[in-house]
Amino acid sequence: MIEVYIDGASAGNPGPSGIGIYIKKNGFSESYSIPLDCLSNHEAEFMALIKALEICRGHSYSIISVRSDSSLVVDAMEKEFTRNKKYAQLLDTALYLAKFFDLFFIKWIPSKENKKADELAKKAIQKIKSKPNEA
């Protein structure tokens, strides 16, 4: 089974955002730090899940266990529902992608267990902040 740790972060809410994805497989790991546009923190969390699912699908992984410290994302995936219409399309995309796996699990974990993904998400925001402004 592939363990996938995800996190999204925003510098402001909304603000420049980034996602961190840390994948563990048989003693091997992959790290992704991906800058995003101006999003809310919750949108960035959903984007982290979507991008992680796309990456895992691209690697043809069949069984994945996603871990996130976002109770909003985990609850929405488990219930296949979100009250906030702002996240409905993001949830639909994540649910669609999750169907490509033989087994898909998602679990809430405390922030202290998600430090690597958190660092990667913050690193992505720093990439945005360190870019010179383009005219």
N, C-alpha and C. Protein backbone atom coordinates (compact mmCIF):
# COMPACT_ATOMS: atom_id res chain seq x y z
N MET A 1 0.85 -1.18 0.00
CA MET A 1 0.00 0.00 0.00
C MET A 1 0.89 1.24 0.00
N ILE A 2 0.47 2.24 -0.75
CA ILE A 2 1.17 3.51 -0.86
C ILE A 2 0.60 4.47 0.18
N GLU A 3 1.46 5.10 0.97
CA GLU A 3 1.02 6.11 1.93
C GLU A 3 1.26 7.48 1.31
N VAL A 4 0.22 8.30 1.30
CA VAL A 4 0.29 9.62 0.66
C VAL A 4 -0.11 10.69 1.68
N TYR A 5 0.84 11.52 2.04
CA TYR A 5 0.59 12.62 2.98
C TYR A 5 0.41 13.89 2.17
N ILE A 6 -0.65 14.64 2.46
CA ILE A 6 -0.95 15.85 1.69
C ILE A 6 -1.19 17.04 2.61
N ASP A 7 -0.89 18.22 2.10
CA ASP A 7 -1.22 19.44 2.83
C ASP A 7 -1.31 20.59 1.84
N GLY A 8 -2.17 21.53 2.17
CA GLY A 8 -2.29 22.77 1.41
C GLY A 8 -2.08 23.92 2.35
N ALA A 9 -1.55 25.02 1.82
CA ALA A 9 -1.31 26.20 2.65
C ALA A 9 -1.56 27.45 1.83
N SER A 10 -1.95 28.51 2.52
CA SER A 10 -2.17 29.81 1.87
C SER A 10 -1.52 30.89 2.72
N ALA A 11 -0.89 31.85 2.06
CA ALA A 11 -0.34 33.02 2.74
C ALA A 11 -1.40 34.11 2.65
N GLY A 12 -2.34 34.05 3.56
CA GLY A 12 -3.54 34.87 3.49
C GLY A 12 -4.70 33.92 3.21
N ASN A 13 -5.89 34.41 3.37
CA ASN A 13 -7.02 33.51 3.14
C ASN A 13 -8.14 34.26 2.44
N PRO A 14 -8.12 34.42 1.12
CA PRO A 14 -7.21 33.76 0.19
C PRO A 14 -5.86 34.49 0.06
N GLY A 15 -4.95 33.80 -0.59
CA GLY A 15 -3.63 34.35 -0.84
C GLY A 15 -2.82 33.38 -1.67
N PRO A 16 -1.57 33.73 -1.96
CA PRO A 16 -0.70 32.80 -2.69
C PRO A 16 -0.68 31.47 -1.95
N SER A 17 -0.83 30.39 -2.68
CA SER A 17 -1.00 29.08 -2.05
C SER A 17 -0.03 28.06 -2.62
N GLY A 18 0.11 26.98 -1.89
CA GLY A 18 0.95 25.88 -2.34
C GLY A 18 0.48 24.58 -1.74
N ILE A 19 0.92 23.50 -2.36
CA ILE A 19 0.58 22.17 -1.85
C ILE A 19 1.85 21.36 -1.66
N GLY A 20 1.76 20.48 -0.68
CA GLY A 20 2.84 19.55 -0.41
C GLY A 20 2.30 18.14 -0.46
N ILE A 21 3.04 17.27 -1.13
CA ILE A 21 2.65 15.87 -1.25
C ILE A 21 3.89 15.03 -0.95
N TYR A 22 3.75 14.11 -0.01
CA TYR A 22 4.84 13.23 0.38
C TYR A 22 4.33 11.80 0.25
N ILE A 23 4.95 11.02 -0.62
CA ILE A 23 4.50 9.66 -0.93
C ILE A 23 5.55 8.66 -0.43
N LYS A 24 5.09 7.69 0.35
CA LYS A 24 5.97 6.63 0.86
C LYS A 24 5.54 5.29 0.26
N LYS A 25 6.55 4.57 -0.27
CA LYS A 25 6.28 3.26 -0.87
C LYS A 25 7.49 2.36 -0.68
N ASN A 26 7.32 1.30 0.08
CA ASN A 26 8.38 0.30 0.26
C ASN A 26 9.75 0.90 0.56
N GLY A 27 9.83 1.81 1.50
CA GLY A 27 11.10 2.42 1.86
C GLY A 27 11.57 3.51 0.92
N PHE A 28 10.83 3.77 -0.13
CA PHE A 28 11.15 4.81 -1.11
C PHE A 28 10.18 5.97 -0.89
N SER A 29 10.63 7.18 -1.16
CA SER A 29 9.71 8.31 -1.00
C SER A 29 9.85 9.30 -2.15
N GLU A 30 8.77 10.03 -2.39
CA GLU A 30 8.74 11.11 -3.38
C GLU A 30 8.17 12.34 -2.69
N SER A 31 8.69 13.50 -3.05
CA SER A 31 8.20 14.75 -2.49
C SER A 31 7.83 15.72 -3.60
N TYR A 32 6.72 16.40 -3.41
CA TYR A 32 6.26 17.40 -4.37
C TYR A 32 5.91 18.67 -3.62
N SER A 33 6.40 19.79 -4.13
CA SER A 33 6.12 21.11 -3.58
C SER A 33 5.64 21.96 -4.76
N ILE A 34 4.33 22.22 -4.82
CA ILE A 34 3.74 22.79 -6.03
C ILE A 34 3.05 24.13 -5.71
N PRO A 35 3.54 25.21 -6.30
CA PRO A 35 2.89 26.51 -6.11
C PRO A 35 1.54 26.56 -6.82
N LEU A 36 0.60 27.30 -6.24
CA LEU A 36 -0.72 27.49 -6.82
C LEU A 36 -1.01 28.99 -6.92
N ASP A 37 -2.15 29.31 -7.50
CA ASP A 37 -2.58 30.70 -7.57
C ASP A 37 -3.12 31.14 -6.22
N CYS A 38 -3.83 32.22 -6.23
CA CYS A 38 -4.45 32.78 -5.03
C CYS A 38 -5.69 31.96 -4.68
N LEU A 39 -5.62 31.22 -3.57
CA LEU A 39 -6.72 30.36 -3.14
C LEU A 39 -6.91 30.49 -1.64
N SER A 40 -8.04 30.00 -1.15
CA SER A 40 -8.24 29.89 0.29
C SER A 40 -7.48 28.65 0.77
N ASN A 41 -7.28 28.56 2.07
CA ASN A 41 -6.58 27.41 2.62
C ASN A 41 -7.33 26.11 2.31
N HIS A 42 -8.66 26.12 2.44
CA HIS A 42 -9.44 24.91 2.17
C HIS A 42 -9.36 24.50 0.69
N GLU A 43 -9.37 25.49 -0.20
CA GLU A 43 -9.22 25.17 -1.63
C GLU A 43 -7.86 24.54 -1.88
N ALA A 44 -6.82 25.06 -1.24
CA ALA A 44 -5.48 24.50 -1.39
C ALA A 44 -5.44 23.06 -0.87
N GLU A 45 -6.15 22.79 0.22
CA GLU A 45 -6.20 21.43 0.75
C GLU A 45 -6.84 20.47 -0.25
N PHE A 46 -7.94 20.88 -0.86
CA PHE A 46 -8.57 20.05 -1.89
C PHE A 46 -7.65 19.86 -3.10
N MET A 47 -6.96 20.93 -3.49
CA MET A 47 -6.03 20.83 -4.63
C MET A 47 -4.89 19.86 -4.33
N ALA A 48 -4.44 19.81 -3.07
CA ALA A 48 -3.40 18.86 -2.69
C ALA A 48 -3.88 17.43 -2.90
N LEU A 49 -5.13 17.18 -2.50
CA LEU A 49 -5.69 15.84 -2.71
C LEU A 49 -5.80 15.52 -4.19
N ILE A 50 -6.33 16.43 -4.96
CA ILE A 50 -6.51 16.20 -6.40
C ILE A 50 -5.18 15.93 -7.08
N LYS A 51 -4.18 16.75 -6.80
CA LYS A 51 -2.87 16.57 -7.44
C LYS A 51 -2.23 15.25 -6.99
N ALA A 52 -2.39 14.90 -5.72
CA ALA A 52 -1.85 13.62 -5.23
C ALA A 52 -2.50 12.44 -5.95
N LEU A 53 -3.81 12.52 -6.14
CA LEU A 53 -4.51 11.45 -6.85
C LEU A 53 -4.04 11.36 -8.30
N GLU A 54 -3.83 12.50 -8.94
CA GLU A 54 -3.33 12.51 -10.32
C GLU A 54 -1.94 11.89 -10.39
N ILE A 55 -1.08 12.22 -9.45
CA ILE A 55 0.28 11.67 -9.44
C ILE A 55 0.24 10.16 -9.23
N CYS A 56 -0.54 9.71 -8.25
CA CYS A 56 -0.64 8.27 -7.98
C CYS A 56 -1.24 7.51 -9.16
N ARG A 57 -2.21 8.11 -9.80
CA ARG A 57 -2.80 7.49 -11.00
C ARG A 57 -1.75 7.40 -12.11
N GLY A 58 -0.96 8.45 -12.26
CA GLY A 58 0.10 8.46 -13.27
C GLY A 58 1.14 7.38 -13.03
N HIS A 59 1.35 7.01 -11.78
CA HIS A 59 2.30 5.94 -11.42
C HIS A 59 1.64 4.56 -11.45
N SER A 60 0.36 4.52 -11.76
CA SER A 60 -0.42 3.28 -11.79
C SER A 60 -0.47 2.56 -10.45
N TYR A 61 -0.45 3.33 -9.36
CA TYR A 61 -0.63 2.72 -8.05
C TYR A 61 -2.07 2.23 -7.95
N SER A 62 -2.28 1.09 -7.31
CA SER A 62 -3.64 0.56 -7.24
C SER A 62 -4.27 0.68 -5.86
N ILE A 63 -3.42 0.72 -4.82
CA ILE A 63 -3.94 0.83 -3.46
C ILE A 63 -3.23 1.99 -2.77
N ILE A 64 -4.00 3.02 -2.40
CA ILE A 64 -3.38 4.17 -1.74
C ILE A 64 -4.14 4.54 -0.46
N SER A 65 -3.37 5.02 0.49
CA SER A 65 -3.94 5.52 1.74
C SER A 65 -3.48 6.97 1.89
N VAL A 66 -4.41 7.89 1.77
CA VAL A 66 -4.12 9.31 1.87
C VAL A 66 -4.30 9.75 3.31
N ARG A 67 -3.36 10.56 3.79
CA ARG A 67 -3.44 11.11 5.14
C ARG A 67 -3.41 12.63 5.04
N SER A 68 -4.34 13.28 5.73
CA SER A 68 -4.46 14.73 5.69
C SER A 68 -4.83 15.25 7.07
N ASP A 69 -4.34 16.46 7.38
CA ASP A 69 -4.75 17.08 8.64
C ASP A 69 -5.94 18.02 8.44
N SER A 70 -6.55 17.96 7.26
CA SER A 70 -7.74 18.77 6.96
C SER A 70 -8.99 17.94 7.21
N SER A 71 -9.65 18.21 8.33
CA SER A 71 -10.88 17.46 8.62
C SER A 71 -11.96 17.78 7.59
N LEU A 72 -11.95 19.00 7.04
CA LEU A 72 -12.94 19.37 6.02
C LEU A 72 -12.82 18.46 4.80
N VAL A 73 -11.62 18.27 4.30
CA VAL A 73 -11.40 17.44 3.11
C VAL A 73 -11.70 15.97 3.41
N VAL A 74 -11.19 15.48 4.53
CA VAL A 74 -11.41 14.07 4.88
C VAL A 74 -12.89 13.79 5.07
N ASP A 75 -13.57 14.63 5.82
CA ASP A 75 -15.02 14.44 6.03
C ASP A 75 -15.80 14.51 4.72
N ALA A 76 -15.46 15.47 3.86
CA ALA A 76 -16.15 15.61 2.58
C ALA A 76 -15.96 14.36 1.72
N MET A 77 -14.75 13.81 1.71
CA MET A 77 -14.49 12.60 0.91
C MET A 77 -15.24 11.41 1.49
N GLU A 78 -15.23 11.27 2.81
CA GLU A 78 -15.90 10.13 3.43
C GLU A 78 -17.41 10.19 3.23
N LYS A 79 -17.99 11.39 3.32
CA LYS A 79 -19.44 11.56 3.18
C LYS A 79 -19.87 11.77 1.73
N GLU A 80 -18.87 12.03 0.86
CA GLU A 80 -19.12 12.35 -0.54
C GLU A 80 -20.07 13.54 -0.66
N PHE A 81 -19.85 14.51 0.22
CA PHE A 81 -20.73 15.68 0.27
C PHE A 81 -20.02 16.83 0.96
N THR A 82 -20.27 18.05 0.48
CA THR A 82 -19.85 19.25 1.18
C THR A 82 -21.00 20.24 1.16
N ARG A 83 -21.24 20.89 2.29
CA ARG A 83 -22.30 21.89 2.36
C ARG A 83 -21.93 23.14 1.59
N ASN A 84 -20.65 23.47 1.59
CA ASN A 84 -20.19 24.69 0.97
C ASN A 84 -20.06 24.48 -0.55
N LYS A 85 -20.92 25.14 -1.29
CA LYS A 85 -20.94 24.99 -2.75
C LYS A 85 -19.61 25.38 -3.39
N LYS A 86 -18.84 26.21 -2.70
CA LYS A 86 -17.53 26.66 -3.20
C LYS A 86 -16.59 25.47 -3.42
N TYR A 87 -16.77 24.41 -2.64
CA TYR A 87 -15.87 23.25 -2.72
C TYR A 87 -16.48 22.08 -3.50
N ALA A 88 -17.70 22.21 -3.94
CA ALA A 88 -18.40 21.09 -4.59
C ALA A 88 -17.68 20.56 -5.82
N GLN A 89 -17.21 21.45 -6.68
CA GLN A 89 -16.53 20.98 -7.89
C GLN A 89 -15.19 20.32 -7.56
N LEU A 90 -14.48 20.87 -6.58
CA LEU A 90 -13.22 20.25 -6.16
C LEU A 90 -13.47 18.86 -5.59
N LEU A 91 -14.51 18.73 -4.77
CA LEU A 91 -14.87 17.43 -4.21
C LEU A 91 -15.25 16.46 -5.32
N ASP A 92 -16.05 16.89 -6.26
CA ASP A 92 -16.45 16.02 -7.38
C ASP A 92 -15.23 15.51 -8.15
N THR A 93 -14.26 16.39 -8.37
CA THR A 93 -13.04 16.00 -9.08
C THR A 93 -12.27 14.95 -8.28
N ALA A 94 -12.13 15.17 -6.97
CA ALA A 94 -11.41 14.22 -6.12
C ALA A 94 -12.12 12.87 -6.07
N LEU A 95 -13.44 12.89 -5.94
CA LEU A 95 -14.20 11.64 -5.91
C LEU A 95 -14.06 10.88 -7.23
N TYR A 96 -14.09 11.60 -8.33
CA TYR A 96 -13.91 10.98 -9.65
C TYR A 96 -12.55 10.30 -9.74
N LEU A 97 -11.49 11.02 -9.34
CA LEU A 97 -10.14 10.46 -9.42
C LEU A 97 -9.95 9.27 -8.49
N ALA A 98 -10.58 9.30 -7.32
CA ALA A 98 -10.45 8.21 -6.35
C ALA A 98 -10.99 6.89 -6.90
N LYS A 99 -11.93 6.96 -7.83
CA LYS A 99 -12.53 5.75 -8.39
C LYS A 99 -11.57 4.96 -9.28
N PHE A 100 -10.44 5.57 -9.66
CA PHE A 100 -9.48 4.88 -10.52
C PHE A 100 -8.60 3.89 -9.75
N PHE A 101 -8.70 3.86 -8.43
CA PHE A 101 -7.87 2.98 -7.62
C PHE A 101 -8.66 1.76 -7.17
N ASP A 102 -7.97 0.62 -7.10
CA ASP A 102 -8.63 -0.59 -6.61
C ASP A 102 -9.11 -0.38 -5.18
N LEU A 103 -8.26 0.24 -4.37
CA LEU A 103 -8.62 0.60 -3.00
C LEU A 103 -8.11 2.00 -2.71
N PHE A 104 -8.99 2.82 -2.19
CA PHE A 104 -8.64 4.19 -1.81
C PHE A 104 -9.10 4.42 -0.38
N PHE A 105 -8.17 4.85 0.45
CA PHE A 105 -8.49 5.18 1.83
C PHE A 105 -8.09 6.63 2.08
N ILE A 106 -8.81 7.31 2.94
CA ILE A 106 -8.41 8.64 3.38
C ILE A 106 -8.61 8.71 4.88
N LYS A 107 -7.62 9.28 5.55
CA LYS A 107 -7.63 9.29 7.01
C LYS A 107 -7.18 10.65 7.50
N TRP A 108 -7.87 11.16 8.53
CA TRP A 108 -7.43 12.38 9.18
C TRP A 108 -6.29 12.04 10.13
N ILE A 109 -5.25 12.90 10.12
CA ILE A 109 -4.15 12.76 11.07
C ILE A 109 -3.88 14.12 11.70
N PRO A 110 -3.33 14.15 12.91
CA PRO A 110 -2.99 15.44 13.52
C PRO A 110 -1.86 16.11 12.75
N SER A 111 -1.80 17.43 12.83
CA SER A 111 -0.78 18.20 12.12
C SER A 111 0.63 17.72 12.43
N LYS A 112 0.86 17.31 13.67
CA LYS A 112 2.21 16.88 14.06
C LYS A 112 2.66 15.63 13.30
N GLU A 113 1.73 14.88 12.75
CA GLU A 113 2.07 13.69 11.96
C GLU A 113 2.16 14.01 10.46
N ASN A 114 1.95 15.27 10.12
CA ASN A 114 1.92 15.67 8.71
C ASN A 114 2.96 16.75 8.41
N LYS A 115 4.03 16.74 9.17
CA LYS A 115 5.03 17.81 9.08
C LYS A 115 5.72 17.89 7.72
N LYS A 116 6.02 16.75 7.13
CA LYS A 116 6.72 16.75 5.84
C LYS A 116 5.87 17.41 4.76
N ALA A 117 4.60 17.03 4.65
CA ALA A 117 3.71 17.63 3.65
C ALA A 117 3.52 19.12 3.94
N ASP A 118 3.42 19.49 5.22
CA ASP A 118 3.27 20.89 5.60
C ASP A 118 4.50 21.70 5.16
N GLU A 119 5.69 21.18 5.40
CA GLU A 119 6.92 21.86 4.97
C GLU A 119 6.94 22.05 3.46
N LEU A 120 6.53 21.03 2.73
CA LEU A 120 6.51 21.10 1.27
C LEU A 120 5.51 22.14 0.77
N ALA A 121 4.35 22.23 1.41
CA ALA A 121 3.35 23.23 1.03
C ALA A 121 3.87 24.64 1.28
N LYS A 122 4.50 24.85 2.41
CA LYS A 122 5.06 26.17 2.73
C LYS A 122 6.21 26.53 1.80
N LYS A 123 7.00 25.53 1.43
CA LYS A 123 8.10 25.73 0.47
C LYS A 123 7.54 26.20 -0.88
N ALA A 124 6.39 25.66 -1.27
CA ALA A 124 5.76 26.06 -2.54
C ALA A 124 5.37 27.53 -2.50
N ILE A 125 4.85 27.99 -1.36
CA ILE A 125 4.49 29.40 -1.23
C ILE A 125 5.74 30.27 -1.32
N GLN A 126 6.83 29.82 -0.72
CA GLN A 126 8.08 30.59 -0.78
C GLN A 126 8.59 30.71 -2.21
N LYS A 127 8.34 29.70 -3.03
CA LYS A 127 8.73 29.76 -4.45
C LYS A 127 7.99 30.92 -5.13
N ILE A 128 6.72 31.11 -4.79
CA ILE A 128 5.93 32.19 -5.37
C ILE A 128 6.47 33.54 -4.90
N LYS A 129 6.70 33.63 -3.60
CA LYS A 129 7.15 34.90 -3.01
C LYS A 129 8.53 35.31 -3.49
N SER A 130 9.38 34.34 -3.84
CA SER A 130 10.73 34.67 -4.26
C SER A 130 10.84 34.98 -5.76
N LYS A 131 9.75 34.74 -6.51
CA LYS A 131 9.74 35.08 -7.94
C LYS A 131 9.70 36.59 -8.10
N PRO A 132 10.52 37.13 -8.99
CA PRO A 132 10.41 38.58 -9.25
C PRO A 132 9.08 38.88 -9.94
N ASN A 133 8.52 40.02 -9.63
CA ASN A 133 7.25 40.41 -10.26
C ASN A 133 7.47 40.60 -11.75
N GLU A 134 6.54 40.05 -12.52
CA GLU A 134 6.64 40.18 -13.98
C GLU A 134 5.78 41.34 -14.42
N ALA A 135 6.35 42.16 -15.28
CA ALA A 135 5.61 43.35 -15.76
C ALA A 135 4.76 43.03 -16.94
